């Protein structure tokens, strides 16, 4: 049932109660909203790299939505495992970073200070270092710079 909000948007809950086939292993939902997922995303990419790559190879092999469900479940389980470890080991720092993202329109540049504290904790406690894929070798990661230069792309 849809309810109309004062902003003009319609709030509708979409729930698919269709059970998965028996041959697909059950997996819980990640249980995180967009801000915590964005905060943890680079660490999830690193920690779950093998599962992510296996899933993407499977999708490249056959794009049938049911073909890669098992591989997708492994990715989800891995993300849940890491988020649990982040909460257990760096809960305060994780919360500070994702709440900053939540309060600043999910803009990473606005949350560099809590991000640095979070990154340090994750490195010290879990041995994971944030690295942005595609950054050329020898270049400093932007989240490590004190005053990054933001170039105007729209000259």
C-alpha atoms as a PDB file:
ATOM      1  CA  UNK A   1       0.000   0.000   0.000  1.00  0.00           C
ATOM      2  CA  UNK A   2       1.389   3.405  -0.951  1.00  0.00           C
ATOM      3  CA  UNK A   3       1.237   6.430   1.310  1.00  0.00           C
ATOM      4  CA  UNK A   4       1.752   9.935   0.043  1.00  0.00           C
ATOM      5  CA  UNK A   5       4.276  12.097   1.817  1.00  0.00           C
ATOM      6  CA  UNK A   6       4.135  15.871   1.951  1.00  0.00           C
ATOM      7  CA  UNK A   7       7.166  16.114  -0.349  1.00  0.00           C
ATOM      8  CA  UNK A   8       5.217  14.579  -3.194  1.00  0.00           C
ATOM      9  CA  UNK A   9       7.090  11.287  -3.127  1.00  0.00           C
ATOM     10  CA  UNK A  10       5.305   8.002  -2.776  1.00  0.00           C
ATOM     11  CA  UNK A  11       6.604   5.648  -0.124  1.00  0.00           C
ATOM     12  CA  UNK A  12       6.040   2.074  -1.153  1.00  0.00           C
ATOM     13  CA  UNK A  13       7.566  -0.949   0.468  1.00  0.00           C
ATOM     14  CA  UNK A  14       8.580  -3.578  -2.051  1.00  0.00           C
ATOM     15  CA  UNK A  15       8.857  -7.028  -0.552  1.00  0.00           C
ATOM     16  CA  UNK A  16       9.201 -10.153  -2.649  1.00  0.00           C
ATOM     17  CA  UNK A  17       8.067 -13.087  -0.550  1.00  0.00           C
ATOM     18  CA  UNK A  18       8.889 -15.623  -3.242  1.00  0.00           C
ATOM     19  CA  UNK A  19      11.198 -18.178  -1.664  1.00  0.00           C
ATOM     20  CA  UNK A  20      14.511 -18.929  -3.340  1.00  0.00           C
ATOM     21  CA  UNK A  21      14.952 -22.334  -4.906  1.00  0.00           C
ATOM     22  CA  UNK A  22      16.108 -25.058  -2.479  1.00  0.00           C
ATOM     23  CA  UNK A  23      19.477 -25.387  -4.254  1.00  0.00           C
ATOM     24  CA  UNK A  24      20.419 -21.795  -3.363  1.00  0.00           C
ATOM     25  CA  UNK A  25      22.061 -21.437   0.047  1.00  0.00           C
ATOM     26  CA  UNK A  26      20.320 -19.087   2.479  1.00  0.00           C
ATOM     27  CA  UNK A  27      22.123 -15.876   3.346  1.00  0.00           C
ATOM     28  CA  UNK A  28      21.140 -13.001   5.594  1.00  0.00           C
ATOM     29  CA  UNK A  29      20.847  -9.465   4.293  1.00  0.00           C
ATOM     30  CA  UNK A  30      23.862  -7.224   4.811  1.00  0.00           C
ATOM     31  CA  UNK A  31      21.789  -5.109   7.188  1.00  0.00           C
ATOM     32  CA  UNK A  32      23.399  -1.757   6.417  1.00  0.00           C
ATOM     33  CA  UNK A  33      22.160   1.368   4.691  1.00  0.00           C
ATOM     34  CA  UNK A  34      24.025   3.294   2.015  1.00  0.00           C
ATOM     35  CA  UNK A  35      26.223   5.424   4.321  1.00  0.00           C
ATOM     36  CA  UNK A  36      27.803   2.505   6.242  1.00  0.00           C
ATOM     37  CA  UNK A  37      28.202   0.593   2.975  1.00  0.00           C
ATOM     38  CA  UNK A  38      29.917   3.568   1.351  1.00  0.00           C
ATOM     39  CA  UNK A  39      32.155   4.022   4.373  1.00  0.00           C
ATOM     40  CA  UNK A  40      33.201   0.353   4.235  1.00  0.00           C
ATOM     41  CA  UNK A  41      33.153  -0.017   0.443  1.00  0.00           C
ATOM     42  CA  UNK A  42      36.883   0.148  -0.269  1.00  0.00           C
ATOM     43  CA  UNK A  43      37.582  -2.304   2.543  1.00  0.00           C
ATOM     44  CA  UNK A  44      34.836  -4.626   1.309  1.00  0.00           C
ATOM     45  CA  UNK A  45      36.382  -4.459  -2.165  1.00  0.00           C
ATOM     46  CA  UNK A  46      39.776  -5.449  -0.774  1.00  0.00           C
ATOM     47  CA  UNK A  47      38.599  -8.006   1.798  1.00  0.00           C
ATOM     48  CA  UNK A  48      36.118  -9.712  -0.552  1.00  0.00           C
ATOM     49  CA  UNK A  49      38.140  -9.340  -3.764  1.00  0.00           C
ATOM     50  CA  UNK A  50      38.329 -13.052  -4.587  1.00  0.00           C
ATOM     51  CA  UNK A  51      34.567 -13.537  -4.127  1.00  0.00           C
ATOM     52  CA  UNK A  52      33.765 -10.365  -6.103  1.00  0.00           C
ATOM     53  CA  UNK A  53      36.011 -11.449  -8.979  1.00  0.00           C
ATOM     54  CA  UNK A  54      34.495 -14.939  -8.996  1.00  0.00           C
ATOM     55  CA  UNK A  55      31.012 -13.400  -9.139  1.00  0.00           C
ATOM     56  CA  UNK A  56      31.958 -11.061 -11.991  1.00  0.00           C
ATOM     57  CA  UNK A  57      33.549 -13.905 -13.969  1.00  0.00           C
ATOM     58  CA  UNK A  58      30.377 -15.917 -13.467  1.00  0.00           C
ATOM     59  CA  UNK A  59      28.238 -13.007 -14.716  1.00  0.00           C
ATOM     60  CA  UNK A  60      30.492 -12.609 -17.758  1.00  0.00           C
ATOM     61  CA  UNK A  61      30.081 -16.310 -18.459  1.00  0.00           C
ATOM     62  CA  UNK A  62      26.282 -16.243 -18.321  1.00  0.00           C
ATOM     63  CA  UNK A  63      24.116 -13.214 -17.559  1.00  0.00           C
ATOM     64  CA  UNK A  64      21.098 -15.325 -16.520  1.00  0.00           C
ATOM     65  CA  UNK A  65      20.065 -13.871 -13.130  1.00  0.00           C
ATOM     66  CA  UNK A  66      19.835 -17.350 -11.583  1.00  0.00           C
ATOM     67  CA  UNK A  67      23.205 -18.557 -12.891  1.00  0.00           C
ATOM     68  CA  UNK A  68      25.390 -16.809 -10.283  1.00  0.00           C
ATOM     69  CA  UNK A  69      23.219 -16.831  -7.167  1.00  0.00           C
ATOM     70  CA  UNK A  70      25.639 -19.016  -5.201  1.00  0.00           C
ATOM     71  CA  UNK A  71      28.566 -16.735  -6.065  1.00  0.00           C
ATOM     72  CA  UNK A  72      26.472 -13.697  -5.126  1.00  0.00           C
ATOM     73  CA  UNK A  73      25.652 -15.254  -1.768  1.00  0.00           C
ATOM     74  CA  UNK A  74      29.386 -15.681  -1.082  1.00  0.00           C
ATOM     75  CA  UNK A  75      29.940 -11.969  -1.782  1.00  0.00           C
ATOM     76  CA  UNK A  76      27.111 -11.074   0.614  1.00  0.00           C
ATOM     77  CA  UNK A  77      28.427 -13.363   3.359  1.00  0.00           C
ATOM     78  CA  UNK A  78      31.899 -11.857   2.977  1.00  0.00           C
ATOM     79  CA  UNK A  79      30.538  -8.296   3.249  1.00  0.00           C
ATOM     80  CA  UNK A  80      28.546  -9.256   6.365  1.00  0.00           C
ATOM     81  CA  UNK A  81      31.687 -10.806   7.870  1.00  0.00           C
ATOM     82  CA  UNK A  82      33.733  -7.664   7.282  1.00  0.00           C
ATOM     83  CA  UNK A  83      31.062  -5.258   8.527  1.00  0.00           C
ATOM     84  CA  UNK A  84      30.793  -7.357  11.693  1.00  0.00           C
ATOM     85  CA  UNK A  85      34.586  -7.145  12.141  1.00  0.00           C
ATOM     86  CA  UNK A  86      34.530  -3.385  11.514  1.00  0.00           C
ATOM     87  CA  UNK A  87      31.850  -2.936  14.178  1.00  0.00           C
ATOM     88  CA  UNK A  88      33.684  -5.163  16.659  1.00  0.00           C
ATOM     89  CA  UNK A  89      37.143  -3.641  16.151  1.00  0.00           C
ATOM     90  CA  UNK A  90      36.550  -0.048  15.026  1.00  0.00           C
ATOM     91  CA  UNK A  91      32.919   0.592  15.945  1.00  0.00           C
ATOM     92  CA  UNK A  92      33.346   4.147  17.203  1.00  0.00           C
ATOM     93  CA  UNK A  93      35.476   5.187  14.208  1.00  0.00           C
ATOM     94  CA  UNK A  94      33.187   3.400  11.728  1.00  0.00           C
ATOM     95  CA  UNK A  95      30.106   5.087  13.201  1.00  0.00           C
ATOM     96  CA  UNK A  96      31.757   8.529  13.143  1.00  0.00           C
ATOM     97  CA  UNK A  97      32.698   8.157   9.465  1.00  0.00           C
ATOM     98  CA  UNK A  98      29.426   6.808   8.136  1.00  0.00           C
ATOM     99  CA  UNK A  99      27.384   9.269  10.216  1.00  0.00           C
ATOM    100  CA  UNK A 100      29.476  12.093   8.756  1.00  0.00           C
ATOM    101  CA  UNK A 101      28.690  10.758   5.268  1.00  0.00           C
ATOM    102  CA  UNK A 102      25.015  10.550   6.199  1.00  0.00           C
ATOM    103  CA  UNK A 103      25.047  14.185   7.339  1.00  0.00           C
ATOM    104  CA  UNK A 104      27.040  15.488   4.343  1.00  0.00           C
ATOM    105  CA  UNK A 105      25.115  14.095   1.377  1.00  0.00           C
ATOM    106  CA  UNK A 106      27.497  11.106   1.169  1.00  0.00           C
ATOM    107  CA  UNK A 107      30.354  13.345   0.019  1.00  0.00           C
ATOM    108  CA  UNK A 108      33.661  11.682   0.918  1.00  0.00           C
ATOM    109  CA  UNK A 109      35.644  14.946   0.742  1.00  0.00           C
ATOM    110  CA  UNK A 110      33.526  16.412   3.559  1.00  0.00           C
ATOM    111  CA  UNK A 111      34.465  13.584   5.929  1.00  0.00           C
ATOM    112  CA  UNK A 112      38.239  13.195   5.524  1.00  0.00           C
ATOM    113  CA  UNK A 113      39.078  13.677   9.217  1.00  0.00           C
ATOM    114  CA  UNK A 114      36.857  10.841  10.542  1.00  0.00           C
ATOM    115  CA  UNK A 115      37.839   8.822   7.462  1.00  0.00           C
ATOM    116  CA  UNK A 116      41.549   9.045   8.355  1.00  0.00           C
ATOM    117  CA  UNK A 117      40.809   7.945  11.926  1.00  0.00           C
ATOM    118  CA  UNK A 118      38.676   5.050  10.647  1.00  0.00           C
ATOM    119  CA  UNK A 119      41.290   4.020   8.062  1.00  0.00           C
ATOM    120  CA  UNK A 120      44.017   4.021  10.723  1.00  0.00           C
ATOM    121  CA  UNK A 121      41.941   1.819  13.029  1.00  0.00           C
ATOM    122  CA  UNK A 122      41.103  -0.646  10.251  1.00  0.00           C
ATOM    123  CA  UNK A 123      44.773  -0.883   9.277  1.00  0.00           C
ATOM    124  CA  UNK A 124      45.944  -1.354  12.857  1.00  0.00           C
ATOM    125  CA  UNK A 125      43.254  -3.844  13.891  1.00  0.00           C
ATOM    126  CA  UNK A 126      42.469  -5.711  10.646  1.00  0.00           C
ATOM    127  CA  UNK A 127      45.513  -5.075   8.474  1.00  0.00           C
ATOM    128  CA  UNK A 128      43.433  -3.585   5.647  1.00  0.00           C
ATOM    129  CA  UNK A 129      44.677  -0.405   3.965  1.00  0.00           C
ATOM    130  CA  UNK A 130      42.340   1.781   1.936  1.00  0.00           C
ATOM    131  CA  UNK A 131      43.542   2.041  -1.639  1.00  0.00           C
ATOM    132  CA  UNK A 132      41.452   3.527  -4.402  1.00  0.00           C
ATOM    133  CA  UNK A 133      41.583   1.262  -7.461  1.00  0.00           C
ATOM    134  CA  UNK A 134      43.077   2.895 -10.538  1.00  0.00           C
ATOM    135  CA  UNK A 135      45.293   5.322  -8.639  1.00  0.00           C
ATOM    136  CA  UNK A 136      48.612   5.361 -10.518  1.00  0.00           C
ATOM    137  CA  UNK A 137      51.573   3.788  -8.747  1.00  0.00           C
ATOM    138  CA  UNK A 138      53.573   6.370  -6.823  1.00  0.00           C
ATOM    139  CA  UNK A 139      50.666   8.829  -6.421  1.00  0.00           C
ATOM    140  CA  UNK A 140      49.391   9.627  -2.954  1.00  0.00           C
ATOM    141  CA  UNK A 141      45.850   8.448  -2.285  1.00  0.00           C
ATOM    142  CA  UNK A 142      43.531  11.472  -2.141  1.00  0.00           C
ATOM    143  CA  UNK A 143      42.122  10.546   1.270  1.00  0.00           C
ATOM    144  CA  UNK A 144      45.668  10.758   2.696  1.00  0.00           C
ATOM    145  CA  UNK A 145      46.279  14.319   1.484  1.00  0.00           C
ATOM    146  CA  UNK A 146      45.809  17.133   3.965  1.00  0.00           C
ATOM    147  CA  UNK A 147      44.624  19.681   1.373  1.00  0.00           C
ATOM    148  CA  UNK A 148      43.774  17.937  -1.877  1.00  0.00           C
ATOM    149  CA  UNK A 149      43.519  20.165  -4.920  1.00  0.00           C
ATOM    150  CA  UNK A 150      40.146  19.842  -6.565  1.00  0.00           C
ATOM    151  CA  UNK A 151      40.465  20.811 -10.198  1.00  0.00           C
ATOM    152  CA  UNK A 152      37.616  22.524 -11.962  1.00  0.00           C
ATOM    153  CA  UNK A 153      36.562  20.121 -14.692  1.00  0.00           C
ATOM    154  CA  UNK A 154      34.026  22.569 -16.114  1.00  0.00           C
ATOM    155  CA  UNK A 155      36.195  25.351 -17.485  1.00  0.00           C
END
